[in-house]
Amino acid sequence: MAETIPDLRDVPKARAYDELKGHADAILDGVDDEITAMATIAALVHHAFGHLWTGFYRVAVPGQLLRVGPYQGSLGCLDIAFGQGVCGVAAAEMKTIIVPDVQEFPGHITCDARSRSEMVVPVRDARGDLMAVLDVDSDRLNAFDSADQQGLEMLVGWFAVTKK
């Protein structure tokens, strides 16, 4: 495999996400395995932007429980209940959440004390059902904005397309 992960930290975000999507599409061409895609997308996003933690929490019990899936970074929380922490709230509400300062988010779950800001994006399958959330943490305050939201939502759109 000739693909490498580009360092996109100094590239304007919209262009960076477009470039990253091109890499993801090339690597995942012909892939129909969700875990493989999660691992690939987590690695691409994590290393391209130098985040603290990047990974997926998969729906283990619909409407009740998320369980850690493929990720990059330090150890993550193993289980998160729907409605708890940023990941659980994003899952319960089925909407992207951007948290500029995790210390100001009621009920924030601290998996890594270095985390300062966070963004969580719901991941839907081809039927539109929640299958996971993509969680990205930064050691900087205010690390995420609407360009990140658009870019990450575009990347996880891979899962909504029927692959089989």
Protein backbone atom coordinates (compact mmCIF):
# COMPACT_ATOMS: atom_id res chain seq x y z
CA MET A 1 0.00 0.00 0.00
CA ALA A 2 1.51 3.29 -1.11
CA GLU A 3 -0.81 5.63 0.83
CA THR A 4 0.76 7.70 3.57
CA ILE A 5 -0.89 10.00 6.08
CA PRO A 6 -0.30 13.64 5.17
CA ASP A 7 0.40 16.24 7.85
CA LEU A 8 -2.45 18.70 7.33
CA ARG A 9 -2.07 20.85 10.44
CA ASP A 10 -0.99 23.91 8.44
CA VAL A 11 -3.47 23.48 5.57
CA PRO A 12 -6.78 25.41 5.61
CA LYS A 13 -9.30 23.04 7.15
CA ALA A 14 -11.76 22.77 4.25
CA ARG A 15 -8.94 21.88 1.87
CA ALA A 16 -7.35 19.56 4.44
CA TYR A 17 -10.54 17.56 4.88
CA ASP A 18 -11.05 17.32 1.12
CA GLU A 19 -7.52 15.97 0.77
CA LEU A 20 -8.04 13.55 3.65
CA LYS A 21 -11.28 12.32 2.09
CA GLY A 22 -9.38 11.56 -1.10
CA HIS A 23 -6.91 9.47 0.88
CA ALA A 24 -9.71 7.69 2.75
CA ASP A 25 -11.59 6.95 -0.49
CA ALA A 26 -8.45 5.53 -2.11
CA ILE A 27 -7.58 3.35 0.87
CA LEU A 28 -11.14 2.13 1.45
CA ASP A 29 -11.95 1.50 -2.21
CA GLY A 30 -13.60 -1.93 -2.32
CA VAL A 31 -13.68 -2.29 1.48
CA ASP A 32 -16.97 -3.32 3.03
CA ASP A 33 -15.82 -3.94 6.60
CA GLU A 34 -16.94 -1.28 9.09
CA ILE A 35 -14.21 -2.00 11.65
CA THR A 36 -11.50 -1.70 8.98
CA ALA A 37 -13.00 1.62 7.89
CA MET A 38 -13.18 2.89 11.49
CA ALA A 39 -9.54 1.98 12.10
CA THR A 40 -8.46 3.65 8.87
CA ILE A 41 -10.45 6.85 9.38
CA ALA A 42 -9.30 7.14 13.01
CA ALA A 43 -5.64 6.81 11.96
CA LEU A 44 -5.99 9.29 9.10
CA VAL A 45 -7.73 11.98 11.17
CA HIS A 46 -5.53 11.48 14.22
CA HIS A 47 -2.20 11.76 12.46
CA ALA A 48 -3.18 14.32 9.83
CA PHE A 49 -4.22 16.82 12.50
CA GLY A 50 -2.11 15.73 15.50
CA HIS A 51 -5.07 15.23 17.86
CA LEU A 52 -4.78 13.89 21.40
CA TRP A 53 -7.32 11.08 20.89
CA THR A 54 -9.32 10.05 17.84
CA GLY A 55 -11.62 7.08 17.70
CA PHE A 56 -14.98 5.45 17.53
CA TYR A 57 -17.40 4.36 20.18
CA ARG A 58 -19.65 1.68 18.65
CA VAL A 59 -23.26 1.10 19.63
CA ALA A 60 -23.10 -2.02 21.81
CA VAL A 61 -26.70 -1.87 23.08
CA PRO A 62 -28.95 0.35 20.93
CA GLY A 63 -30.17 3.37 22.85
CA GLN A 64 -28.21 2.37 25.94
CA LEU A 65 -24.49 1.70 25.60
CA LEU A 66 -21.47 2.73 23.53
CA ARG A 67 -18.30 0.61 23.61
CA VAL A 68 -14.85 1.73 22.51
CA GLY A 69 -13.88 0.70 18.99
CA PRO A 70 -10.86 1.42 16.81
CA TYR A 71 -8.92 4.45 18.02
CA GLN A 72 -5.57 6.26 18.12
CA GLY A 73 -4.11 7.82 21.26
CA SER A 74 -3.99 6.91 24.92
CA LEU A 75 -6.45 4.47 26.45
CA GLY A 76 -10.07 5.45 26.06
CA CYS A 77 -13.04 4.79 28.30
CA LEU A 78 -14.33 1.29 27.60
CA ASP A 79 -18.08 1.88 27.95
CA ILE A 80 -20.17 5.05 27.85
CA ALA A 81 -23.91 5.14 28.52
CA PHE A 82 -26.19 7.00 26.14
CA GLY A 83 -26.82 10.47 27.58
CA GLN A 84 -23.57 10.48 29.59
CA GLY A 85 -20.59 12.66 28.67
CA VAL A 86 -20.12 14.24 25.26
CA CYS A 87 -20.20 10.92 23.41
CA GLY A 88 -23.33 9.69 25.15
CA VAL A 89 -25.17 12.98 24.62
CA ALA A 90 -24.21 13.06 20.91
CA ALA A 91 -25.46 9.48 20.56
CA ALA A 92 -28.72 10.12 22.41
CA GLU A 93 -29.44 13.34 20.51
CA MET A 94 -28.04 12.06 17.17
CA LYS A 95 -26.24 15.34 16.57
CA THR A 96 -22.68 16.60 16.37
CA ILE A 97 -21.42 18.32 19.50
CA ILE A 98 -18.45 20.70 19.65
CA VAL A 99 -17.12 21.42 23.14
CA PRO A 100 -14.63 24.34 23.25
CA ASP A 101 -13.69 23.61 26.90
CA VAL A 102 -14.48 20.15 28.30
CA GLN A 103 -14.37 21.48 31.87
CA GLU A 104 -17.48 23.49 31.10
CA PHE A 105 -19.49 20.55 29.71
CA PRO A 106 -21.87 19.23 32.40
CA GLY A 107 -21.12 15.57 33.06
CA HIS A 108 -17.96 15.44 30.95
CA ILE A 109 -16.26 12.05 31.30
CA THR A 110 -12.50 12.39 31.68
CA CYS A 111 -10.73 9.53 29.93
CA ASP A 112 -7.49 11.51 29.55
CA ALA A 113 -6.83 14.49 31.84
CA ARG A 114 -4.92 16.26 29.04
CA SER A 115 -8.12 16.69 26.99
CA ARG A 116 -9.16 20.35 26.76
CA SER A 117 -11.68 20.38 23.89
CA GLU A 118 -13.70 17.71 22.14
CA MET A 119 -15.92 17.04 19.16
CA VAL A 120 -18.25 14.07 18.71
CA VAL A 121 -19.95 13.16 15.42
CA PRO A 122 -22.75 10.57 15.14
CA VAL A 123 -22.07 7.83 12.58
CA ARG A 124 -25.10 6.45 10.73
CA ASP A 125 -25.33 3.26 8.72
CA ALA A 126 -27.01 2.85 5.33
CA ARG A 127 -30.45 2.64 7.02
CA GLY A 128 -29.80 5.89 8.92
CA ASP A 129 -29.45 4.09 12.26
CA LEU A 130 -26.77 5.15 14.72
CA MET A 131 -23.91 2.66 14.59
CA ALA A 132 -21.20 4.65 16.40
CA VAL A 133 -19.87 8.08 17.23
CA LEU A 134 -16.52 9.51 16.15
CA ASP A 135 -14.84 11.18 19.13
CA VAL A 136 -11.93 13.59 18.66
CA ASP A 137 -10.11 15.17 21.61
CA SER A 138 -7.50 17.93 21.62
CA ASP A 139 -5.08 19.11 24.26
CA ARG A 140 -5.90 22.69 23.16
CA LEU A 141 -8.95 24.78 24.03
CA ASN A 142 -11.29 25.70 21.14
CA ALA A 143 -9.61 23.27 18.75
CA PHE A 144 -12.74 22.47 16.73
CA ASP A 145 -15.09 24.58 14.62
CA SER A 146 -17.71 24.30 11.89
CA ALA A 147 -15.05 23.39 9.29
CA ASP A 148 -14.10 20.38 11.44
CA GLN A 149 -17.76 19.49 11.79
CA GLN A 150 -18.32 19.58 8.03
CA GLY A 151 -15.10 17.68 7.35
CA LEU A 152 -15.66 14.94 9.90
CA GLU A 153 -19.32 14.54 8.94
CA MET A 154 -18.17 14.15 5.33
CA LEU A 155 -15.63 11.47 6.32
CA VAL A 156 -18.07 9.40 8.37
CA GLY A 157 -20.55 9.61 5.51
CA TRP A 158 -18.64 6.57 4.20
CA PHE A 159 -20.68 4.40 6.59
CA ALA A 160 -24.04 5.62 5.24
CA VAL A 161 -23.29 4.31 1.77
CA THR A 162 -24.17 0.67 1.18
CA LYS A 163 -20.87 -1.14 0.68
CA LYS A 164 -22.09 -4.69 0.10
